[in-house]
Amino acid sequence: MKTLTNWNQLPEFESEAAENAFWQEHELESKLMSGSIHEAHVRESTTITLRFDPRMLSRIKRIARSRYLNYQSMMKQWLAERLEDEMKNP
């Protein structure tokens, strides 16, 4: 049995039969396999809580609806744009 130590060693398969034949003679190194698993506790973002005046939140939601956006996504976009401006001009 041959062990693959790098993803680049994996060929393009012409058919399922060719892939099946390949895996009959090959296996993945355990480090390679474990490194490819995305762990559930790793998060791409963090949840926070913000308190808004109800009228302000209503206005934000109205703007988002007029742009066919989710209001939370729109707010993240606004914050990202402002952060970029702040980083350019500290």
C-alpha atoms as a PDB file:
ATOM      1  CA  MET A   1       0.000   0.000   0.000  1.00  0.00           C
ATOM      2  CA  LYS A   2       1.416   3.388  -1.019  1.00  0.00           C
ATOM      3  CA  THR A   3       0.788   6.382   1.258  1.00  0.00           C
ATOM      4  CA  LEU A   4       0.044   9.849  -0.137  1.00  0.00           C
ATOM      5  CA  THR A   5       1.782  12.565   1.880  1.00  0.00           C
ATOM      6  CA  ASN A   6       0.727  15.528  -0.254  1.00  0.00           C
ATOM      7  CA  TRP A   7      -2.557  16.437  -1.980  1.00  0.00           C
ATOM      8  CA  ASN A   8      -0.586  17.089  -5.197  1.00  0.00           C
ATOM      9  CA  GLN A   9       0.042  13.352  -5.435  1.00  0.00           C
ATOM     10  CA  LEU A  10      -3.659  12.759  -6.048  1.00  0.00           C
ATOM     11  CA  PRO A  11      -4.265  12.299  -9.808  1.00  0.00           C
ATOM     12  CA  GLU A  12      -7.256  13.290 -11.922  1.00  0.00           C
ATOM     13  CA  PHE A  13      -9.463  10.240 -12.432  1.00  0.00           C
ATOM     14  CA  GLU A  14     -11.034   9.423 -15.775  1.00  0.00           C
ATOM     15  CA  SER A  15     -13.764   7.304 -14.204  1.00  0.00           C
ATOM     16  CA  GLU A  16     -15.072   5.947 -10.915  1.00  0.00           C
ATOM     17  CA  ALA A  17     -13.498   2.599 -11.783  1.00  0.00           C
ATOM     18  CA  ALA A  18     -10.073   4.259 -12.161  1.00  0.00           C
ATOM     19  CA  GLU A  19     -10.532   6.039  -8.843  1.00  0.00           C
ATOM     20  CA  ASN A  20     -11.584   2.790  -7.173  1.00  0.00           C
ATOM     21  CA  ALA A  21      -8.525   0.978  -8.559  1.00  0.00           C
ATOM     22  CA  PHE A  22      -6.264   3.804  -7.310  1.00  0.00           C
ATOM     23  CA  TRP A  23      -7.632   3.646  -3.763  1.00  0.00           C
ATOM     24  CA  GLN A  24      -7.180  -0.123  -3.687  1.00  0.00           C
ATOM     25  CA  GLU A  25      -3.423   0.517  -3.771  1.00  0.00           C
ATOM     26  CA  HIS A  26      -3.135   3.900  -2.023  1.00  0.00           C
ATOM     27  CA  GLU A  27      -4.038   5.555   1.276  1.00  0.00           C
ATOM     28  CA  LEU A  28      -3.759   9.030   2.793  1.00  0.00           C
ATOM     29  CA  GLU A  29      -1.242   9.834   5.484  1.00  0.00           C
ATOM     30  CA  SER A  30      -3.095  10.461   8.751  1.00  0.00           C
ATOM     31  CA  LYS A  31      -1.581  13.966   9.134  1.00  0.00           C
ATOM     32  CA  LEU A  32      -2.841  14.896   5.681  1.00  0.00           C
ATOM     33  CA  MET A  33      -6.338  13.697   6.459  1.00  0.00           C
ATOM     34  CA  SER A  34      -6.572  15.324   9.903  1.00  0.00           C
ATOM     35  CA  GLY A  35      -5.251  18.618   8.506  1.00  0.00           C
ATOM     36  CA  SER A  36      -8.097  18.773   6.015  1.00  0.00           C
ATOM     37  CA  ILE A  37     -10.862  18.492   8.618  1.00  0.00           C
ATOM     38  CA  HIS A  38     -12.458  21.787   9.596  1.00  0.00           C
ATOM     39  CA  GLU A  39     -13.015  21.699  13.327  1.00  0.00           C
ATOM     40  CA  ALA A  40     -16.450  22.827  14.510  1.00  0.00           C
ATOM     41  CA  HIS A  41     -15.123  25.046  17.286  1.00  0.00           C
ATOM     42  CA  VAL A  42     -13.160  27.210  14.834  1.00  0.00           C
ATOM     43  CA  ARG A  43     -15.407  30.111  13.874  1.00  0.00           C
ATOM     44  CA  GLU A  44     -15.156  32.469  10.983  1.00  0.00           C
ATOM     45  CA  SER A  45     -16.872  35.230  12.946  1.00  0.00           C
ATOM     46  CA  THR A  46     -17.850  36.156  16.481  1.00  0.00           C
ATOM     47  CA  THR A  47     -21.365  36.962  17.620  1.00  0.00           C
ATOM     48  CA  ILE A  48     -21.823  40.236  19.491  1.00  0.00           C
ATOM     49  CA  THR A  49     -24.788  42.139  20.869  1.00  0.00           C
ATOM     50  CA  LEU A  50     -25.472  45.789  20.090  1.00  0.00           C
ATOM     51  CA  ARG A  51     -28.292  47.862  21.519  1.00  0.00           C
ATOM     52  CA  PHE A  52     -29.981  50.332  19.173  1.00  0.00           C
ATOM     53  CA  ASP A  53     -32.697  52.880  19.588  1.00  0.00           C
ATOM     54  CA  PRO A  54     -35.772  51.206  18.006  1.00  0.00           C
ATOM     55  CA  ARG A  55     -36.255  54.106  15.584  1.00  0.00           C
ATOM     56  CA  MET A  56     -32.650  53.903  14.400  1.00  0.00           C
ATOM     57  CA  LEU A  57     -32.926  50.152  13.869  1.00  0.00           C
ATOM     58  CA  SER A  58     -36.167  50.645  11.975  1.00  0.00           C
ATOM     59  CA  ARG A  59     -34.480  53.148   9.657  1.00  0.00           C
ATOM     60  CA  ILE A  60     -31.541  50.790   9.106  1.00  0.00           C
ATOM     61  CA  LYS A  61     -33.910  47.939   8.237  1.00  0.00           C
ATOM     62  CA  ARG A  62     -35.838  50.173   5.854  1.00  0.00           C
ATOM     63  CA  ILE A  63     -32.639  51.157   4.018  1.00  0.00           C
ATOM     64  CA  ALA A  64     -31.574  47.511   3.798  1.00  0.00           C
ATOM     65  CA  ARG A  65     -34.964  46.442   2.394  1.00  0.00           C
ATOM     66  CA  SER A  66     -34.784  49.165  -0.247  1.00  0.00           C
ATOM     67  CA  ARG A  67     -31.417  47.706  -1.338  1.00  0.00           C
ATOM     68  CA  TYR A  68     -32.660  44.089  -1.124  1.00  0.00           C
ATOM     69  CA  LEU A  69     -30.093  43.332   1.581  1.00  0.00           C
ATOM     70  CA  ASN A  70     -30.175  41.710   4.984  1.00  0.00           C
ATOM     71  CA  TYR A  71     -29.842  44.565   7.475  1.00  0.00           C
ATOM     72  CA  GLN A  72     -27.129  42.790   9.489  1.00  0.00           C
ATOM     73  CA  SER A  73     -25.049  42.150   6.372  1.00  0.00           C
ATOM     74  CA  MET A  74     -25.474  45.765   5.340  1.00  0.00           C
ATOM     75  CA  MET A  75     -24.310  46.937   8.754  1.00  0.00           C
ATOM     76  CA  LYS A  76     -21.233  44.687   8.562  1.00  0.00           C
ATOM     77  CA  GLN A  77     -20.470  46.160   5.159  1.00  0.00           C
ATOM     78  CA  TRP A  78     -20.795  49.701   6.569  1.00  0.00           C
ATOM     79  CA  LEU A  79     -18.482  48.861   9.461  1.00  0.00           C
ATOM     80  CA  ALA A  80     -15.920  47.251   7.160  1.00  0.00           C
ATOM     81  CA  GLU A  81     -15.922  50.326   4.896  1.00  0.00           C
ATOM     82  CA  ARG A  82     -15.536  52.685   7.853  1.00  0.00           C
ATOM     83  CA  LEU A  83     -12.759  50.554   9.312  1.00  0.00           C
ATOM     84  CA  GLU A  84     -10.861  50.747   6.020  1.00  0.00           C
ATOM     85  CA  ASP A  85     -11.259  54.554   6.029  1.00  0.00           C
ATOM     86  CA  GLU A  86     -10.025  54.762   9.612  1.00  0.00           C
ATOM     87  CA  MET A  87      -7.009  52.579   8.847  1.00  0.00           C
ATOM     88  CA  LYS A  88      -6.054  54.783   5.876  1.00  0.00           C
ATOM     89  CA  ASN A  89      -6.364  58.026   7.873  1.00  0.00           C
ATOM     90  CA  PRO A  90      -5.587  57.299  11.545  1.00  0.00           C
END
